[in-house]
Amino acid sequence: MARYFFHLFGGPDVILDEDGIEIGDFEEARTEVKRTIGQLQCEDPAEASKWKGWNLEVVDRFGKVALSISLDEKPERLHSARPQL
C-alpha cells in the first residue's frame, strides 16, 4: 500500500490534496479516480461546467505523477488508463 494524492489543476488554479489515500493496486486506483471524477461532474450538474479544462493528477508521496486525466473526460474512459503504481 502506498499513499497517493489527488490534485486538481485548472489553468492558474490549483487544489492540492493534502491528505491523500492509501492505494494498493491499479484496480483500486482506477476505482477511486472514477469515483472522484464522477463526484465532480455529477454532484450538481450546474456546477459540472466549472470543471471544464481542469485535470486530475494522482501523485505519489514524492510528487511523481502516476495518472493524469482531463475532467472533460467521462469516468468510463479510465478502463484503459494504466497508472504507474
N, C-alpha and C. Protein backbone atom coordinates (compact mmCIF):
# COMPACT_ATOMS: atom_id res chain seq x y z
N MET A 1 0.85 -1.18 0.00
CA MET A 1 0.00 0.00 0.00
C MET A 1 0.89 1.24 0.00
N ALA A 2 0.45 2.23 -0.72
CA ALA A 2 1.18 3.49 -0.79
C ALA A 2 0.17 4.64 -0.75
N ARG A 3 0.59 5.78 -0.26
CA ARG A 3 -0.29 6.95 -0.20
C ARG A 3 -0.17 7.73 -1.50
N TYR A 4 -1.34 8.04 -2.08
CA TYR A 4 -1.42 8.85 -3.29
C TYR A 4 -2.32 10.05 -3.04
N PHE A 5 -2.03 11.12 -3.75
CA PHE A 5 -2.74 12.38 -3.59
C PHE A 5 -3.43 12.74 -4.90
N PHE A 6 -4.63 13.30 -4.80
CA PHE A 6 -5.44 13.63 -5.96
C PHE A 6 -5.50 15.15 -6.09
N HIS A 7 -4.62 15.70 -6.91
CA HIS A 7 -4.53 17.15 -7.10
C HIS A 7 -5.35 17.57 -8.32
N LEU A 8 -5.93 18.76 -8.23
CA LEU A 8 -6.71 19.32 -9.33
C LEU A 8 -6.01 20.56 -9.87
N PHE A 9 -5.89 20.62 -11.20
CA PHE A 9 -5.23 21.74 -11.86
C PHE A 9 -6.15 22.32 -12.92
N GLY A 10 -6.39 23.61 -12.86
CA GLY A 10 -7.23 24.29 -13.84
C GLY A 10 -6.63 25.63 -14.21
N GLY A 11 -5.75 25.62 -15.21
CA GLY A 11 -5.07 26.87 -15.58
C GLY A 11 -4.22 27.33 -14.42
N PRO A 12 -4.42 28.57 -13.97
CA PRO A 12 -3.61 29.06 -12.86
C PRO A 12 -4.10 28.57 -11.49
N ASP A 13 -5.26 27.94 -11.47
CA ASP A 13 -5.83 27.47 -10.20
C ASP A 13 -5.38 26.06 -9.89
N VAL A 14 -5.08 25.83 -8.60
CA VAL A 14 -4.63 24.52 -8.14
C VAL A 14 -5.34 24.20 -6.83
N ILE A 15 -5.84 22.97 -6.73
CA ILE A 15 -6.41 22.48 -5.48
C ILE A 15 -5.61 21.23 -5.10
N LEU A 16 -4.80 21.34 -4.06
CA LEU A 16 -3.95 20.24 -3.65
C LEU A 16 -4.64 19.38 -2.60
N ASP A 17 -4.52 18.08 -2.77
CA ASP A 17 -5.00 17.10 -1.81
C ASP A 17 -3.89 16.94 -0.77
N GLU A 18 -4.10 17.44 0.41
CA GLU A 18 -3.06 17.37 1.43
C GLU A 18 -3.10 16.10 2.26
N ASP A 19 -4.20 15.33 2.16
CA ASP A 19 -4.34 14.12 2.96
C ASP A 19 -3.98 12.85 2.20
N GLY A 20 -4.45 12.74 0.97
CA GLY A 20 -4.20 11.55 0.17
C GLY A 20 -4.96 10.35 0.71
N ILE A 21 -4.81 9.24 0.00
CA ILE A 21 -5.41 7.98 0.43
C ILE A 21 -4.42 6.85 0.15
N GLU A 22 -4.58 5.75 0.88
CA GLU A 22 -3.76 4.56 0.68
C GLU A 22 -4.36 3.77 -0.48
N ILE A 23 -3.51 3.44 -1.45
CA ILE A 23 -3.93 2.67 -2.62
C ILE A 23 -3.00 1.48 -2.76
N GLY A 24 -3.60 0.31 -2.99
CA GLY A 24 -2.80 -0.90 -3.07
C GLY A 24 -2.50 -1.39 -4.46
N ASP A 25 -3.42 -1.14 -5.43
CA ASP A 25 -3.20 -1.68 -6.77
C ASP A 25 -3.93 -0.84 -7.81
N PHE A 26 -3.73 -1.22 -9.09
CA PHE A 26 -4.31 -0.48 -10.20
C PHE A 26 -5.82 -0.39 -10.11
N GLU A 27 -6.47 -1.49 -9.82
CA GLU A 27 -7.94 -1.51 -9.78
C GLU A 27 -8.47 -0.55 -8.73
N GLU A 28 -7.85 -0.52 -7.59
CA GLU A 28 -8.26 0.38 -6.52
C GLU A 28 -8.05 1.84 -6.93
N ALA A 29 -6.92 2.12 -7.57
CA ALA A 29 -6.63 3.48 -8.04
C ALA A 29 -7.65 3.91 -9.07
N ARG A 30 -7.92 3.05 -10.02
CA ARG A 30 -8.87 3.38 -11.07
C ARG A 30 -10.26 3.62 -10.50
N THR A 31 -10.67 2.79 -9.57
CA THR A 31 -11.98 2.96 -8.94
C THR A 31 -12.07 4.30 -8.22
N GLU A 32 -11.03 4.66 -7.51
CA GLU A 32 -11.03 5.93 -6.77
C GLU A 32 -11.04 7.13 -7.72
N VAL A 33 -10.29 7.07 -8.81
CA VAL A 33 -10.27 8.16 -9.78
C VAL A 33 -11.64 8.30 -10.43
N LYS A 34 -12.25 7.18 -10.82
CA LYS A 34 -13.59 7.23 -11.42
C LYS A 34 -14.60 7.83 -10.45
N ARG A 35 -14.51 7.44 -9.19
CA ARG A 35 -15.43 7.97 -8.18
C ARG A 35 -15.24 9.47 -8.01
N THR A 36 -13.99 9.90 -7.95
CA THR A 36 -13.69 11.32 -7.76
C THR A 36 -14.19 12.15 -8.94
N ILE A 37 -13.90 11.70 -10.16
CA ILE A 37 -14.35 12.44 -11.34
C ILE A 37 -15.87 12.44 -11.42
N GLY A 38 -16.47 11.30 -11.14
CA GLY A 38 -17.93 11.22 -11.15
C GLY A 38 -18.55 12.19 -10.16
N GLN A 39 -17.97 12.31 -8.99
CA GLN A 39 -18.49 13.26 -7.99
C GLN A 39 -18.37 14.69 -8.49
N LEU A 40 -17.23 15.03 -9.05
CA LEU A 40 -17.04 16.39 -9.53
C LEU A 40 -17.97 16.73 -10.68
N GLN A 41 -18.27 15.75 -11.54
CA GLN A 41 -19.11 16.00 -12.70
C GLN A 41 -20.60 15.92 -12.39
N CYS A 42 -20.96 15.16 -11.38
CA CYS A 42 -22.38 14.85 -11.19
C CYS A 42 -23.01 15.40 -9.92
N GLU A 43 -22.23 15.86 -8.97
CA GLU A 43 -22.82 16.34 -7.73
C GLU A 43 -23.89 17.38 -7.99
N ASP A 44 -23.57 18.32 -8.83
CA ASP A 44 -24.51 19.37 -9.22
C ASP A 44 -24.27 19.66 -10.69
N PRO A 45 -25.17 19.20 -11.56
CA PRO A 45 -24.96 19.38 -13.00
C PRO A 45 -24.66 20.83 -13.39
N ALA A 46 -25.22 21.78 -12.67
CA ALA A 46 -24.96 23.19 -12.97
C ALA A 46 -23.51 23.55 -12.66
N GLU A 47 -22.93 22.86 -11.70
CA GLU A 47 -21.55 23.13 -11.30
C GLU A 47 -20.54 22.38 -12.18
N ALA A 48 -20.98 21.31 -12.85
CA ALA A 48 -20.07 20.47 -13.64
C ALA A 48 -19.29 21.27 -14.67
N SER A 49 -19.92 22.26 -15.27
CA SER A 49 -19.24 23.03 -16.31
C SER A 49 -18.07 23.83 -15.75
N LYS A 50 -18.07 24.09 -14.45
CA LYS A 50 -16.96 24.83 -13.84
C LYS A 50 -15.66 24.03 -13.85
N TRP A 51 -15.75 22.71 -14.01
CA TRP A 51 -14.56 21.85 -14.03
C TRP A 51 -14.01 21.66 -15.44
N LYS A 52 -14.66 22.24 -16.43
CA LYS A 52 -14.18 22.12 -17.81
C LYS A 52 -12.78 22.71 -17.91
N GLY A 53 -11.87 21.96 -18.52
CA GLY A 53 -10.50 22.41 -18.66
C GLY A 53 -9.59 22.04 -17.49
N TRP A 54 -10.15 21.45 -16.45
CA TRP A 54 -9.35 21.04 -15.30
C TRP A 54 -8.80 19.63 -15.52
N ASN A 55 -7.71 19.32 -14.82
CA ASN A 55 -7.11 17.99 -14.84
C ASN A 55 -6.98 17.46 -13.42
N LEU A 56 -7.11 16.15 -13.30
CA LEU A 56 -6.88 15.46 -12.04
C LEU A 56 -5.58 14.70 -12.18
N GLU A 57 -4.66 14.94 -11.25
CA GLU A 57 -3.39 14.22 -11.24
C GLU A 57 -3.28 13.43 -9.95
N VAL A 58 -2.96 12.16 -10.10
CA VAL A 58 -2.71 11.29 -8.96
C VAL A 58 -1.20 11.22 -8.82
N VAL A 59 -0.69 11.65 -7.68
CA VAL A 59 0.76 11.67 -7.45
C VAL A 59 1.12 10.89 -6.20
N ASP A 60 2.33 10.33 -6.19
CA ASP A 60 2.79 9.62 -5.01
C ASP A 60 3.38 10.60 -4.00
N ARG A 61 3.86 10.09 -2.90
CA ARG A 61 4.36 10.97 -1.83
C ARG A 61 5.59 11.76 -2.22
N PHE A 62 6.24 11.36 -3.33
CA PHE A 62 7.41 12.08 -3.82
C PHE A 62 7.04 13.10 -4.89
N GLY A 63 5.76 13.15 -5.26
CA GLY A 63 5.31 14.09 -6.28
C GLY A 63 5.33 13.54 -7.69
N LYS A 64 5.68 12.25 -7.84
CA LYS A 64 5.70 11.61 -9.16
C LYS A 64 4.26 11.36 -9.62
N VAL A 65 3.95 11.80 -10.84
CA VAL A 65 2.59 11.63 -11.37
C VAL A 65 2.39 10.18 -11.78
N ALA A 66 1.38 9.54 -11.18
CA ALA A 66 1.04 8.16 -11.52
C ALA A 66 -0.06 8.11 -12.58
N LEU A 67 -0.92 9.13 -12.60
CA LEU A 67 -2.02 9.18 -13.55
C LEU A 67 -2.49 10.62 -13.67
N SER A 68 -2.76 11.04 -14.90
CA SER A 68 -3.29 12.37 -15.15
C SER A 68 -4.43 12.24 -16.14
N ILE A 69 -5.57 12.85 -15.85
CA ILE A 69 -6.72 12.76 -16.74
C ILE A 69 -7.49 14.07 -16.72
N SER A 70 -7.99 14.44 -17.87
CA SER A 70 -8.80 15.65 -18.00
C SER A 70 -10.17 15.41 -17.38
N LEU A 71 -10.68 16.38 -16.67
CA LEU A 71 -12.03 16.27 -16.12
C LEU A 71 -13.09 16.43 -17.20
N ASP A 72 -12.67 16.78 -18.41
CA ASP A 72 -13.59 16.83 -19.53
C ASP A 72 -13.96 15.42 -20.00
N GLU A 73 -13.14 14.45 -19.62
CA GLU A 73 -13.38 13.05 -19.99
C GLU A 73 -14.44 12.45 -19.09
N LYS A 74 -15.13 11.46 -19.62
CA LYS A 74 -16.08 10.69 -18.82
C LYS A 74 -15.29 9.69 -17.99
N PRO A 75 -15.73 9.41 -16.76
CA PRO A 75 -15.00 8.45 -15.92
C PRO A 75 -14.82 7.09 -16.58
N GLU A 76 -15.73 6.70 -17.48
CA GLU A 76 -15.62 5.40 -18.13
C GLU A 76 -14.36 5.28 -18.98
N ARG A 77 -13.77 6.41 -19.40
CA ARG A 77 -12.57 6.40 -20.22
C ARG A 77 -11.41 5.71 -19.50
N LEU A 78 -11.49 5.62 -18.22
CA LEU A 78 -10.39 5.07 -17.44
C LEU A 78 -10.22 3.57 -17.60
N HIS A 79 -11.09 2.91 -18.33
CA HIS A 79 -10.96 1.45 -18.48
C HIS A 79 -9.62 1.06 -19.07
N SER A 80 -9.00 1.95 -19.86
CA SER A 80 -7.73 1.60 -20.47
C SER A 80 -6.55 2.36 -19.85
N ALA A 81 -6.82 3.24 -18.93
CA ALA A 81 -5.73 4.01 -18.30
C ALA A 81 -4.92 3.10 -17.39
N ARG A 82 -3.62 3.25 -17.42
CA ARG A 82 -2.73 2.44 -16.59
C ARG A 82 -1.85 3.34 -15.74
N PRO A 83 -2.23 3.53 -14.47
CA PRO A 83 -1.36 4.34 -13.63
C PRO A 83 -0.05 3.62 -13.35
N GLN A 84 0.96 4.37 -13.01
CA GLN A 84 2.28 3.80 -12.72
C GLN A 84 2.43 3.64 -11.22
N LEU A 85 1.70 2.69 -10.67
CA LEU A 85 1.74 2.48 -9.22
C LEU A 85 2.88 1.53 -8.86
